[in-house]
N, C-alpha and C. Protein backbone atom coordinates (compact mmCIF):
# COMPACT_ATOMS: atom_id res chain seq x y z
N UNK A 1 0.84 -1.18 -0.02
CA UNK A 1 0.00 0.02 0.00
C UNK A 1 0.86 1.23 -0.02
N UNK A 2 0.61 2.19 -0.91
CA UNK A 2 1.44 3.41 -0.98
C UNK A 2 1.31 4.27 0.26
N UNK A 3 2.36 4.95 0.63
CA UNK A 3 2.37 5.87 1.75
C UNK A 3 1.52 7.11 1.39
N UNK A 4 0.50 7.42 2.26
CA UNK A 4 -0.35 8.57 1.90
C UNK A 4 0.37 9.90 1.79
N UNK A 5 1.44 10.11 2.61
CA UNK A 5 2.18 11.36 2.50
C UNK A 5 2.96 11.40 1.18
N UNK A 6 3.45 10.28 0.78
CA UNK A 6 4.18 10.20 -0.49
C UNK A 6 3.22 10.41 -1.67
N UNK A 7 2.01 9.93 -1.58
CA UNK A 7 1.00 10.14 -2.61
C UNK A 7 0.65 11.63 -2.73
N UNK A 8 0.49 12.30 -1.55
CA UNK A 8 0.21 13.75 -1.58
C UNK A 8 1.37 14.51 -2.23
N UNK A 9 2.60 14.10 -1.89
CA UNK A 9 3.79 14.76 -2.44
C UNK A 9 3.80 14.54 -3.97
N UNK A 10 3.53 13.35 -4.39
CA UNK A 10 3.54 13.05 -5.82
C UNK A 10 2.52 13.93 -6.55
N UNK A 11 1.35 14.05 -6.00
CA UNK A 11 0.29 14.85 -6.63
C UNK A 11 0.72 16.30 -6.75
N UNK A 12 1.33 16.83 -5.69
CA UNK A 12 1.77 18.23 -5.67
C UNK A 12 2.93 18.39 -6.62
N UNK A 13 3.85 17.40 -6.62
CA UNK A 13 5.06 17.52 -7.46
C UNK A 13 4.73 17.58 -8.94
N UNK A 14 3.75 16.84 -9.35
CA UNK A 14 3.39 16.76 -10.77
C UNK A 14 3.07 18.18 -11.31
N UNK A 15 2.52 19.02 -10.45
CA UNK A 15 2.21 20.39 -10.92
C UNK A 15 3.37 21.33 -10.81
N UNK A 16 4.47 20.91 -10.06
CA UNK A 16 5.61 21.79 -9.86
C UNK A 16 6.88 21.41 -10.60
N UNK A 17 6.88 20.16 -11.08
CA UNK A 17 8.17 19.64 -11.58
C UNK A 17 8.73 20.40 -12.77
N UNK A 18 7.93 21.13 -13.50
CA UNK A 18 8.44 21.95 -14.58
C UNK A 18 8.90 23.34 -14.12
N UNK A 19 8.67 23.62 -12.87
CA UNK A 19 9.06 24.94 -12.31
C UNK A 19 10.24 24.83 -11.37
N UNK A 20 10.27 23.80 -10.57
CA UNK A 20 11.34 23.61 -9.59
C UNK A 20 12.14 22.38 -9.87
N UNK A 21 13.45 22.53 -9.84
CA UNK A 21 14.34 21.40 -10.02
C UNK A 21 15.79 21.90 -9.99
N UNK A 22 16.70 20.95 -10.04
CA UNK A 22 18.09 21.26 -10.01
C UNK A 22 18.44 21.80 -11.44
N UNK A 23 18.97 22.99 -11.54
CA UNK A 23 19.28 23.53 -12.87
C UNK A 23 20.52 22.89 -13.40
N UNK A 24 20.47 22.45 -14.67
CA UNK A 24 21.59 21.75 -15.32
C UNK A 24 22.15 22.57 -16.44
N UNK A 25 21.54 23.68 -16.77
CA UNK A 25 22.03 24.55 -17.83
C UNK A 25 21.52 25.97 -17.62
N UNK A 26 21.93 26.88 -18.44
CA UNK A 26 21.61 28.31 -18.28
C UNK A 26 20.08 28.52 -18.37
N UNK A 27 19.42 27.80 -19.23
CA UNK A 27 17.93 27.96 -19.37
C UNK A 27 17.22 27.53 -18.11
N UNK A 28 17.62 26.41 -17.57
CA UNK A 28 17.06 25.96 -16.25
C UNK A 28 17.32 26.99 -15.15
N UNK A 29 18.54 27.45 -15.14
CA UNK A 29 18.95 28.42 -14.09
C UNK A 29 18.11 29.72 -14.21
N UNK A 30 18.01 30.22 -15.42
CA UNK A 30 17.19 31.48 -15.58
C UNK A 30 15.76 31.28 -15.21
N UNK A 31 15.17 30.16 -15.52
CA UNK A 31 13.81 29.83 -15.17
C UNK A 31 13.68 29.79 -13.60
N UNK A 32 14.62 29.24 -12.93
CA UNK A 32 14.62 29.18 -11.49
C UNK A 32 14.81 30.59 -10.87
N UNK A 33 15.64 31.36 -11.43
CA UNK A 33 15.85 32.75 -10.94
C UNK A 33 14.57 33.53 -11.10
N UNK A 34 13.91 33.37 -12.24
CA UNK A 34 12.63 34.06 -12.44
C UNK A 34 11.59 33.64 -11.42
N UNK A 35 11.54 32.34 -11.12
CA UNK A 35 10.61 31.83 -10.15
C UNK A 35 10.93 32.41 -8.76
N UNK A 36 12.23 32.45 -8.39
CA UNK A 36 12.65 33.01 -7.11
C UNK A 36 12.21 34.45 -7.02
N UNK A 37 12.34 35.22 -8.08
CA UNK A 37 11.95 36.61 -8.07
C UNK A 37 10.43 36.76 -7.72
N UNK A 38 9.68 35.85 -8.30
CA UNK A 38 8.20 35.89 -8.02
C UNK A 38 7.93 35.51 -6.55
N UNK A 39 8.68 34.53 -6.04
CA UNK A 39 8.52 34.14 -4.63
C UNK A 39 8.90 35.31 -3.71
N UNK A 40 10.00 35.96 -4.05
CA UNK A 40 10.43 37.14 -3.23
C UNK A 40 9.37 38.21 -3.23
N UNK A 41 8.80 38.47 -4.38
CA UNK A 41 7.72 39.48 -4.46
C UNK A 41 6.55 39.10 -3.57
N UNK A 42 6.23 37.84 -3.51
CA UNK A 42 5.10 37.34 -2.72
C UNK A 42 5.40 37.25 -1.22
N UNK A 43 6.54 36.68 -0.91
CA UNK A 43 6.92 36.38 0.49
C UNK A 43 7.55 37.63 1.19
N UNK A 44 8.38 38.34 0.47
CA UNK A 44 9.07 39.46 1.10
C UNK A 44 9.99 38.97 2.20
N UNK A 45 9.92 39.56 3.37
CA UNK A 45 10.71 39.14 4.49
C UNK A 45 9.93 38.44 5.55
N UNK A 46 8.72 38.00 5.20
CA UNK A 46 7.85 37.34 6.15
C UNK A 46 8.24 35.88 6.30
N UNK A 47 9.03 35.56 7.30
CA UNK A 47 9.49 34.23 7.56
C UNK A 47 8.41 33.22 7.95
N UNK A 48 7.22 33.78 8.22
CA UNK A 48 6.07 32.89 8.59
C UNK A 48 5.21 32.60 7.36
N UNK A 49 5.52 33.20 6.25
CA UNK A 49 4.73 33.00 5.05
C UNK A 49 4.80 31.52 4.65
N UNK A 50 3.68 30.90 4.21
CA UNK A 50 3.71 29.53 3.84
C UNK A 50 4.71 29.14 2.73
N UNK A 51 5.13 30.10 1.94
CA UNK A 51 6.08 29.81 0.85
C UNK A 51 7.53 30.20 1.20
N UNK A 52 7.75 30.63 2.44
CA UNK A 52 9.11 31.06 2.85
C UNK A 52 10.13 29.93 2.73
N UNK A 53 9.78 28.72 3.12
CA UNK A 53 10.74 27.62 3.05
C UNK A 53 11.00 27.19 1.58
N UNK A 54 9.97 27.30 0.74
CA UNK A 54 10.18 27.05 -0.68
C UNK A 54 11.13 28.05 -1.28
N UNK A 55 11.00 29.31 -0.86
CA UNK A 55 11.86 30.37 -1.35
C UNK A 55 13.30 30.00 -0.96
N UNK A 56 13.51 29.52 0.26
CA UNK A 56 14.84 29.19 0.72
C UNK A 56 15.41 27.99 -0.10
N UNK A 57 14.61 26.99 -0.37
CA UNK A 57 15.05 25.85 -1.11
C UNK A 57 15.48 26.27 -2.54
N UNK A 58 14.66 27.10 -3.20
CA UNK A 58 14.98 27.55 -4.52
C UNK A 58 16.25 28.40 -4.52
N UNK A 59 16.46 29.19 -3.46
CA UNK A 59 17.64 29.94 -3.33
C UNK A 59 18.88 29.07 -3.21
N UNK A 60 18.78 27.97 -2.49
CA UNK A 60 19.89 27.05 -2.34
C UNK A 60 20.22 26.38 -3.69
N UNK A 61 19.17 26.03 -4.45
CA UNK A 61 19.43 25.42 -5.77
C UNK A 61 20.18 26.40 -6.69
N UNK A 62 19.78 27.67 -6.61
CA UNK A 62 20.41 28.73 -7.45
C UNK A 62 21.83 28.92 -6.99
N UNK A 63 22.04 29.04 -5.72
CA UNK A 63 23.36 29.25 -5.19
C UNK A 63 24.32 28.11 -5.55
N UNK A 64 23.86 26.89 -5.49
CA UNK A 64 24.69 25.75 -5.83
C UNK A 64 25.08 25.82 -7.30
N UNK A 65 24.12 26.14 -8.16
CA UNK A 65 24.38 26.24 -9.64
C UNK A 65 25.46 27.35 -9.85
N UNK A 66 25.25 28.50 -9.19
CA UNK A 66 26.17 29.63 -9.39
C UNK A 66 27.56 29.26 -8.92
N UNK A 67 27.68 28.57 -7.79
CA UNK A 67 29.00 28.18 -7.28
C UNK A 67 29.72 27.23 -8.24
N UNK A 68 28.99 26.42 -8.93
CA UNK A 68 29.58 25.47 -9.84
C UNK A 68 29.80 26.02 -11.26
N UNK A 69 29.02 27.01 -11.67
CA UNK A 69 28.99 27.37 -13.07
C UNK A 69 29.23 28.86 -13.38
N UNK A 70 29.20 29.71 -12.43
CA UNK A 70 29.35 31.11 -12.67
C UNK A 70 30.70 31.54 -12.08
N UNK A 71 31.70 31.53 -12.91
CA UNK A 71 33.08 31.79 -12.42
C UNK A 71 33.24 33.17 -11.77
N UNK A 72 32.56 34.18 -12.32
CA UNK A 72 32.70 35.53 -11.77
C UNK A 72 32.23 35.57 -10.31
N UNK A 73 31.17 34.83 -9.98
CA UNK A 73 30.71 34.83 -8.63
C UNK A 73 31.59 33.99 -7.75
N UNK A 74 32.13 32.91 -8.24
CA UNK A 74 32.94 31.98 -7.45
C UNK A 74 34.26 32.72 -7.06
N UNK A 75 34.77 33.60 -7.90
CA UNK A 75 36.03 34.28 -7.62
C UNK A 75 35.88 35.32 -6.50
N UNK A 76 34.65 35.80 -6.28
CA UNK A 76 34.43 36.85 -5.26
C UNK A 76 34.50 36.26 -3.83
N UNK A 77 34.37 34.98 -3.70
CA UNK A 77 34.33 34.37 -2.38
C UNK A 77 35.55 33.65 -2.08
C-alpha cells in the first residue's frame, strides 16, 4: 500500500516539476531565478509565510548552480 504522505507529495510535485528542479544549464537556471523573483515578491521578508521555506530551497538550488557554473561569482568568495 502506498504511503499517503508520498502520494500527496507526488500529486503536488506533478504540478511543480516543470518549475522547480536542479538547474543543469543556463535555461534551467534562468527559469529558477525568475521563479525566485516571483517568490520574493510574494513572500518578502515574512519568515512565517507558507512559501518562505520554498523560497529558501529555490535559493539554495540557485546558489549551488552559481557556485559550480558562474566563475565571476565564485572568484568573489
